[in-house]
C-alpha atoms as a PDB file:
ATOM      1  CA  ASP A   1      12.543  12.249 -19.490  1.00  0.00           C
ATOM      2  CA  GLY A   2      10.827   9.650 -17.597  1.00  0.00           C
ATOM      3  CA  SER A   3      11.347  10.533 -14.105  1.00  0.00           C
ATOM      4  CA  TRP A   4       9.316  11.379 -11.372  1.00  0.00           C
ATOM      5  CA  SER A   5      10.832  14.724 -10.514  1.00  0.00           C
ATOM      6  CA  ARG A   6       7.720  16.508 -11.250  1.00  0.00           C
ATOM      7  CA  HIS A   7       5.694  14.676  -9.105  1.00  0.00           C
ATOM      8  CA  ILE A   8       8.264  15.047  -6.285  1.00  0.00           C
ATOM      9  CA  SER A   9       8.324  18.577  -6.418  1.00  0.00           C
ATOM     10  CA  ILE A  10       4.734  18.770  -6.299  1.00  0.00           C
ATOM     11  CA  ILE A  11       4.823  16.647  -2.869  1.00  0.00           C
ATOM     12  CA  VAL A  12       7.246  18.463  -1.467  1.00  0.00           C
ATOM     13  CA  ARG A  13       5.861  21.862  -2.010  1.00  0.00           C
ATOM     14  CA  LYS A  14       2.674  20.336   0.006  1.00  0.00           C
ATOM     15  CA  ALA A  15       4.626  18.756   2.917  1.00  0.00           C
ATOM     16  CA  SER A  16       6.574  21.969   2.807  1.00  0.00           C
ATOM     17  CA  LEU A  17       3.642  24.232   3.100  1.00  0.00           C
ATOM     18  CA  LEU A  18       1.876  21.944   5.731  1.00  0.00           C
ATOM     19  CA  SER A  19       5.120  22.011   7.896  1.00  0.00           C
ATOM     20  CA  GLY A  20       4.944  25.818   7.664  1.00  0.00           C
ATOM     21  CA  TRP A  21       1.285  25.758   8.859  1.00  0.00           C
ATOM     22  CA  ILE A  22       2.334  23.646  11.922  1.00  0.00           C
ATOM     23  CA  PHE A  23       4.657  26.086  13.046  1.00  0.00           C
ATOM     24  CA  SER A  24       2.509  29.138  12.457  1.00  0.00           C
ATOM     25  CA  VAL A  25      -0.290  27.126  14.897  1.00  0.00           C
ATOM     26  CA  PHE A  26       1.210  25.558  17.188  1.00  0.00           C
ATOM     27  CA  ARG A  27       3.783  27.252  19.664  1.00  0.00           C
ATOM     28  CA  ASP A  28       4.949  24.024  21.126  1.00  0.00           C
ATOM     29  CA  ARG A  29       8.221  23.159  19.810  1.00  0.00           C
ATOM     30  CA  SER A  30       8.914  20.051  22.026  1.00  0.00           C
ATOM     31  CA  PRO A  31      10.127  16.864  20.299  1.00  0.00           C
ATOM     32  CA  GLU A  32       7.680  14.661  21.605  1.00  0.00           C
ATOM     33  CA  VAL A  33       4.642  17.101  20.310  1.00  0.00           C
ATOM     34  CA  MET A  34       6.030  18.236  17.154  1.00  0.00           C
ATOM     35  CA  LEU A  35       7.352  14.781  15.919  1.00  0.00           C
ATOM     36  CA  GLN A  36       3.592  13.328  16.397  1.00  0.00           C
ATOM     37  CA  LEU A  37       2.137  16.333  14.047  1.00  0.00           C
ATOM     38  CA  PHE A  38       4.965  15.538  11.387  1.00  0.00           C
ATOM     39  CA  LYS A  39       4.524  11.773  11.249  1.00  0.00           C
ATOM     40  CA  ALA A  40       0.696  12.154  11.165  1.00  0.00           C
ATOM     41  CA  LEU A  41       0.224  15.066   8.760  1.00  0.00           C
ATOM     42  CA  VAL A  42       3.398  15.706   6.677  1.00  0.00           C
ATOM     43  CA  ARG A  43       5.140  12.593   6.386  1.00  0.00           C
ATOM     44  CA  PRO A  44       2.526  10.407   4.782  1.00  0.00           C
ATOM     45  CA  ILE A  45       2.477  12.934   2.019  1.00  0.00           C
ATOM     46  CA  LEU A  46       6.345  12.335   1.178  1.00  0.00           C
ATOM     47  CA  GLU A  47       5.646   8.574   1.347  1.00  0.00           C
ATOM     48  CA  TYR A  48       2.380   7.590  -0.426  1.00  0.00           C
ATOM     49  CA  CYS A  49       3.109   5.039  -2.976  1.00  0.00           C
ATOM     50  CA  CYS A  50       6.638   5.908  -2.873  1.00  0.00           C
ATOM     51  CA  LEU A  51       7.649   2.370  -4.174  1.00  0.00           C
ATOM     52  CA  VAL A  52       6.230   3.401  -7.216  1.00  0.00           C
ATOM     53  CA  TRP A  53       7.911   6.540  -7.792  1.00  0.00           C
ATOM     54  CA  ASN A  54      11.177   5.968  -5.252  1.00  0.00           C
ATOM     55  CA  PRO A  55      13.982   8.387  -6.685  1.00  0.00           C
ATOM     56  CA  SER A  56      17.474   7.770  -7.921  1.00  0.00           C
ATOM     57  CA  LYS A  57      18.577  11.302  -8.831  1.00  0.00           C
ATOM     58  CA  THR A  58      20.633  12.835  -5.807  1.00  0.00           C
ATOM     59  CA  GLY A  59      18.510  16.291  -6.337  1.00  0.00           C
ATOM     60  CA  ASP A  60      15.074  14.646  -5.902  1.00  0.00           C
ATOM     61  CA  ILE A  61      16.303  12.846  -2.601  1.00  0.00           C
ATOM     62  CA  GLN A  62      17.604  15.769  -1.398  1.00  0.00           C
ATOM     63  CA  ALA A  63      14.339  17.788  -1.905  1.00  0.00           C
ATOM     64  CA  ILE A  64      12.422  15.343   0.125  1.00  0.00           C
ATOM     65  CA  GLU A  65      15.232  14.748   2.835  1.00  0.00           C
ATOM     66  CA  ASN A  66      15.182  18.521   2.882  1.00  0.00           C
ATOM     67  CA  VAL A  67      11.669  18.606   4.134  1.00  0.00           C
ATOM     68  CA  GLN A  68      12.213  16.565   7.419  1.00  0.00           C
ATOM     69  CA  ARG A  69      15.809  18.405   7.856  1.00  0.00           C
ATOM     70  CA  CYS A  70      14.340  21.918   7.948  1.00  0.00           C
ATOM     71  CA  PHE A  71      11.479  20.495  10.370  1.00  0.00           C
ATOM     72  CA  THR A  72      13.901  18.926  12.755  1.00  0.00           C
ATOM     73  CA  ARG A  73      16.026  22.038  12.639  1.00  0.00           C
ATOM     74  CA  ARG A  74      13.170  23.978  14.714  1.00  0.00           C
ATOM     75  CA  LEU A  75      12.713  21.684  17.259  1.00  0.00           C
ATOM     76  CA  ASN A  76      13.872  22.450  20.992  1.00  0.00           C
ATOM     77  CA  GLY A  77      16.988  21.105  21.703  1.00  0.00           C
ATOM     78  CA  MET A  78      18.344  20.555  18.101  1.00  0.00           C
ATOM     79  CA  GLN A  79      20.380  23.859  17.816  1.00  0.00           C
ATOM     80  CA  GLY A  80      23.790  23.155  16.824  1.00  0.00           C
ATOM     81  CA  LEU A  81      23.500  19.721  15.595  1.00  0.00           C
ATOM     82  CA  ASP A  82      23.783  18.910  11.923  1.00  0.00           C
ATOM     83  CA  TYR A  83      20.896  16.883  10.124  1.00  0.00           C
ATOM     84  CA  TRP A  84      22.637  13.563  10.663  1.00  0.00           C
ATOM     85  CA  GLY A  85      22.832  14.299  14.303  1.00  0.00           C
ATOM     86  CA  ARG A  86      19.265  15.551  14.761  1.00  0.00           C
ATOM     87  CA  LEU A  87      18.376  11.870  12.990  1.00  0.00           C
ATOM     88  CA  LYS A  88      20.146   9.973  15.860  1.00  0.00           C
ATOM     89  CA  SER A  89      19.244  12.312  18.763  1.00  0.00           C
ATOM     90  CA  LEU A  90      15.327  11.962  17.848  1.00  0.00           C
ATOM     91  CA  LYS A  91      15.739   8.256  16.820  1.00  0.00           C
ATOM     92  CA  LEU A  92      14.277   8.844  13.561  1.00  0.00           C
ATOM     93  CA  MET A  93      15.071   7.087  10.103  1.00  0.00           C
ATOM     94  CA  SER A  94      15.976   9.310   7.070  1.00  0.00           C
ATOM     95  CA  LEU A  95      12.871   9.121   4.716  1.00  0.00           C
ATOM     96  CA  GLN A  96      15.575   7.471   2.091  1.00  0.00           C
ATOM     97  CA  ARG A  97      16.181   4.756   4.526  1.00  0.00           C
ATOM     98  CA  ARG A  98      12.521   4.394   5.382  1.00  0.00           C
ATOM     99  CA  ARG A  99      11.792   4.021   1.699  1.00  0.00           C
ATOM    100  CA  GLN A 100      14.582   1.046   1.659  1.00  0.00           C
ATOM    101  CA  ARG A 101      12.786  -0.475   4.502  1.00  0.00           C
ATOM    102  CA  TYR A 102       9.228  -0.172   2.572  1.00  0.00           C
ATOM    103  CA  THR A 103      11.115  -1.874  -0.286  1.00  0.00           C
ATOM    104  CA  LEU A 104      12.269  -4.661   1.562  1.00  0.00           C
ATOM    105  CA  ILE A 105       9.054  -5.251   3.052  1.00  0.00           C
ATOM    106  CA  HIS A 106       7.468  -5.495  -0.029  1.00  0.00           C
ATOM    107  CA  VAL A 107      10.166  -7.959  -1.394  1.00  0.00           C
ATOM    108  CA  TRP A 108       9.521 -10.059   1.762  1.00  0.00           C
ATOM    109  CA  LYS A 109       5.688 -10.121   1.036  1.00  0.00           C
ATOM    110  CA  THR A 110       6.265 -10.754  -2.481  1.00  0.00           C
ATOM    111  CA  ILE A 111       8.574 -13.786  -1.853  1.00  0.00           C
ATOM    112  CA  GLN A 112       5.824 -15.131   0.552  1.00  0.00           C
ATOM    113  CA  ASP A 113       2.785 -14.593  -1.983  1.00  0.00           C
ATOM    114  CA  ILE A 114       1.162 -12.078   0.177  1.00  0.00           C
ATOM    115  CA  VAL A 115       1.373  -9.518  -2.671  1.00  0.00           C
ATOM    116  CA  PRO A 116       1.528 -10.180  -6.735  1.00  0.00           C
ATOM    117  CA  ASN A 117       4.854 -10.779  -7.963  1.00  0.00           C
ATOM    118  CA  SER A 118       4.404  -7.433 -10.240  1.00  0.00           C
ATOM    119  CA  ALA A 119       7.952  -6.856 -10.680  1.00  0.00           C
ATOM    120  CA  ASN A 120       8.457 -10.192 -11.668  1.00  0.00           C
ATOM    121  CA  LEU A 121      11.281 -11.013  -9.202  1.00  0.00           C
ATOM    122  CA  VAL A 122      12.854 -14.368  -9.571  1.00  0.00           C
ATOM    123  CA  VAL A 123      13.863 -15.841  -6.010  1.00  0.00           C
ATOM    124  CA  GLN A 124      16.131 -18.592  -5.421  1.00  0.00           C
ATOM    125  CA  GLN A 125      16.975 -20.584  -2.400  1.00  0.00           C
ATOM    126  CA  HIS A 126      20.769 -20.377  -1.533  1.00  0.00           C
ATOM    127  CA  VAL A 127      22.311 -23.206   0.746  1.00  0.00           C
ATOM    128  CA  ARG A 128      24.230 -20.696   2.299  1.00  0.00           C
ATOM    129  CA  LEU A 129      22.804 -17.058   1.694  1.00  0.00           C
ATOM    130  CA  GLY A 130      19.344 -17.895   2.232  1.00  0.00           C
ATOM    131  CA  MET A 131      16.445 -16.319  -0.242  1.00  0.00           C
ATOM    132  CA  ARG A 132      17.995 -14.500  -2.883  1.00  0.00           C
ATOM    133  CA  THR A 133      16.929 -12.673  -5.760  1.00  0.00           C
ATOM    134  CA  VAL A 134      18.212 -12.611  -9.237  1.00  0.00           C
ATOM    135  CA  PRO A 135      18.414  -8.960 -10.486  1.00  0.00           C
ATOM    136  CA  PRO A 136      16.802  -8.670 -14.242  1.00  0.00           C
ATOM    137  CA  VAL A 137      19.347  -7.539 -16.605  1.00  0.00           C
ATOM    138  CA  TYR A 138      18.568  -5.254 -19.396  1.00  0.00           C
ATOM    139  CA  PRO A 139      19.627  -6.012 -23.257  1.00  0.00           C
ATOM    140  CA  TYR A 140      23.445  -5.240 -23.289  1.00  0.00           C
ATOM    141  CA  ARG A 141      22.850  -2.694 -26.564  1.00  0.00           C
ATOM    142  CA  ALA A 142      20.348  -0.580 -24.784  1.00  0.00           C
ATOM    143  CA  GLU A 143      20.611   2.973 -25.250  1.00  0.00           C
ATOM    144  CA  THR A 144      22.236   4.851 -22.006  1.00  0.00           C
ATOM    145  CA  ARG A 145      19.444   6.802 -20.670  1.00  0.00           C
ATOM    146  CA  GLN A 146      16.717   3.789 -21.171  1.00  0.00           C
ATOM    147  CA  ALA A 147      19.312   1.550 -19.304  1.00  0.00           C
ATOM    148  CA  ASN A 148      19.794   3.791 -16.506  1.00  0.00           C
ATOM    149  CA  GLN A 149      15.892   4.360 -16.246  1.00  0.00           C
ATOM    150  CA  PHE A 150      15.546   0.630 -16.142  1.00  0.00           C
ATOM    151  CA  HIS A 151      18.539   0.263 -13.193  1.00  0.00           C
ATOM    152  CA  SER A 152      16.564   3.067 -11.416  1.00  0.00           C
ATOM    153  CA  SER A 153      13.151   1.177 -11.516  1.00  0.00           C
ATOM    154  CA  PHE A 154      11.892  -0.952  -8.719  1.00  0.00           C
ATOM    155  CA  GLY A 155      12.598  -4.539  -9.859  1.00  0.00           C
ATOM    156  CA  PRO A 156      16.636  -3.954  -9.921  1.00  0.00           C
ATOM    157  CA  ARG A 157      16.910  -1.890  -6.983  1.00  0.00           C
ATOM    158  CA  SER A 158      14.643  -3.948  -4.904  1.00  0.00           C
ATOM    159  CA  ALA A 159      16.737  -6.921  -5.865  1.00  0.00           C
ATOM    160  CA  HIS A 160      20.030  -5.604  -5.075  1.00  0.00           C
ATOM    161  CA  LEU A 161      18.436  -4.303  -2.104  1.00  0.00           C
ATOM    162  CA  TRP A 162      17.459  -7.758  -0.961  1.00  0.00           C
ATOM    163  CA  ASN A 163      20.332  -9.597  -1.649  1.00  0.00           C
ATOM    164  CA  CYS A 164      22.138  -7.140   0.851  1.00  0.00           C
ATOM    165  CA  LEU A 165      20.258  -8.874   3.908  1.00  0.00           C
ATOM    166  CA  PRO A 166      21.834 -11.745   5.938  1.00  0.00           C
ATOM    167  CA  VAL A 167      20.334 -15.179   6.128  1.00  0.00           C
ATOM    168  CA  ASN A 168      18.864 -14.823   9.677  1.00  0.00           C
ATOM    169  CA  VAL A 169      16.697 -12.012   8.065  1.00  0.00           C
ATOM    170  CA  ASN A 170      15.834 -12.904   4.555  1.00  0.00           C
ATOM    171  CA  LEU A 171      14.580 -16.501   6.160  1.00  0.00           C
ATOM    172  CA  CYS A 172      12.088 -14.955   8.379  1.00  0.00           C
ATOM    173  CA  ALA A 173       8.822 -16.579   7.781  1.00  0.00           C
ATOM    174  CA  ASN A 174       6.299 -13.903  10.086  1.00  0.00           C
ATOM    175  CA  LEU A 175       5.929 -10.465   9.221  1.00  0.00           C
ATOM    176  CA  GLY A 176       6.410  -9.429  12.718  1.00  0.00           C
ATOM    177  CA  HIS A 177       9.604 -10.965  12.840  1.00  0.00           C
ATOM    178  CA  PHE A 178      10.766 -10.167   9.572  1.00  0.00           C
ATOM    179  CA  LYS A 179      10.195  -6.137  10.661  1.00  0.00           C
ATOM    180  CA  SER A 180      12.201  -6.479  14.164  1.00  0.00           C
ATOM    181  CA  SER A 181      15.020  -8.474  12.544  1.00  0.00           C
ATOM    182  CA  LEU A 182      15.016  -5.692   9.749  1.00  0.00           C
ATOM    183  CA  GLY A 183      15.035  -2.827  11.955  1.00  0.00           C
ATOM    184  CA  LYS A 184      18.049  -4.525  14.087  1.00  0.00           C
ATOM    185  CA  PHE A 185      19.657  -5.076  11.035  1.00  0.00           C
ATOM    186  CA  LEU A 186      19.330  -1.601   9.696  1.00  0.00           C
ATOM    187  CA  GLU A 187      20.416  -0.015  12.929  1.00  0.00           C
ATOM    188  CA  GLY A 188      24.105  -1.433  12.144  1.00  0.00           C
ATOM    189  CA  PHE A 189      24.249   0.951   8.905  1.00  0.00           C
ATOM    190  CA  ARG A 190      24.900   4.661   9.248  1.00  0.00           C
ATOM    191  CA  ASP A 191      22.132   6.561   7.971  1.00  0.00           C
ATOM    192  CA  CYS A 192      23.396   9.251   6.015  1.00  0.00           C
ATOM    193  CA  PRO A 193      21.120  10.736   3.140  1.00  0.00           C
ATOM    194  CA  PRO A 194      22.671  12.928   0.533  1.00  0.00           C
ATOM    195  CA  VAL A 195      21.782  16.920   1.830  1.00  0.00           C
ATOM    196  CA  ARG A 196      22.577  20.009   0.393  1.00  0.00           C
ATOM    197  CA  GLY A 197      25.464  21.540   1.879  1.00  0.00           C
ATOM    198  CA  TYR A 198      26.758  18.328   3.108  1.00  0.00           C
ATOM    199  CA  PRO A 199      29.340  16.017   1.686  1.00  0.00           C
ATOM    200  CA  THR A 200      28.017  13.150  -0.127  1.00  0.00           C
ATOM    201  CA  LEU A 201      28.332   9.724   1.666  1.00  0.00           C
ATOM    202  CA  GLN A 202      27.202   6.586   0.289  1.00  0.00           C
ATOM    203  CA  ASN A 203      23.857   5.604   2.287  1.00  0.00           C
ATOM    204  CA  ASP A 204      23.251   2.137   1.187  1.00  0.00           C
ATOM    205  CA  LEU A 205      23.353  -1.316   2.738  1.00  0.00           C
ATOM    206  CA  SER A 206      26.867  -2.319   1.535  1.00  0.00           C
ATOM    207  CA  PRO A 207      29.689  -3.098   4.155  1.00  0.00           C
ATOM    208  CA  GLN A 208      31.501  -0.282   3.889  1.00  0.00           C
ATOM    209  CA  CYS A 209      28.368   1.729   5.251  1.00  0.00           C
ATOM    210  CA  MET A 210      28.093  -0.013   8.310  1.00  0.00           C
ATOM    211  CA  CYS A 211      28.399   1.828  11.893  1.00  0.00           C
END
């Protein structure tokens, strides 16, 4: 079907098995120790080359997020908190928000000619809004399934995401400064990824998602 669902199911299974191994080997349940193990061993499995396979299907997003959700639920002091509350308490980003951040950093590198413009992004300088991308347009008469696949691909999604950034962020000329400004900008938005059993909330960078 042109999706990455099979790949996602494979990496979710690998990450879940490794998470189980960590809890079987280490008795410590403190967030300080366990999060270091999660970040070093589990999370890289769920994020390797994620710009290529970044999912748009809610089920795939939930499957990936469920690994971090289950892991954090078993840490000391997290009992009684829902997943969104645990993210805030542990000062973690959701895996979906981290993929959004990676996407924006890659677009910035593309604009700065640090990496090739493989997505053929068109960038324009706007007097008031700074650097803006022109989202690619799919032919009007395309089949619905093909059009959905196109709009879920990196080019259109990254262009729309980049255009959410304010001018003080998108005009940063230094990578360190850009990451710092981006981090502060993202802190202004609630981080509520779709999770099984929870009400579905919009988790993008639109104004209605601000804290």
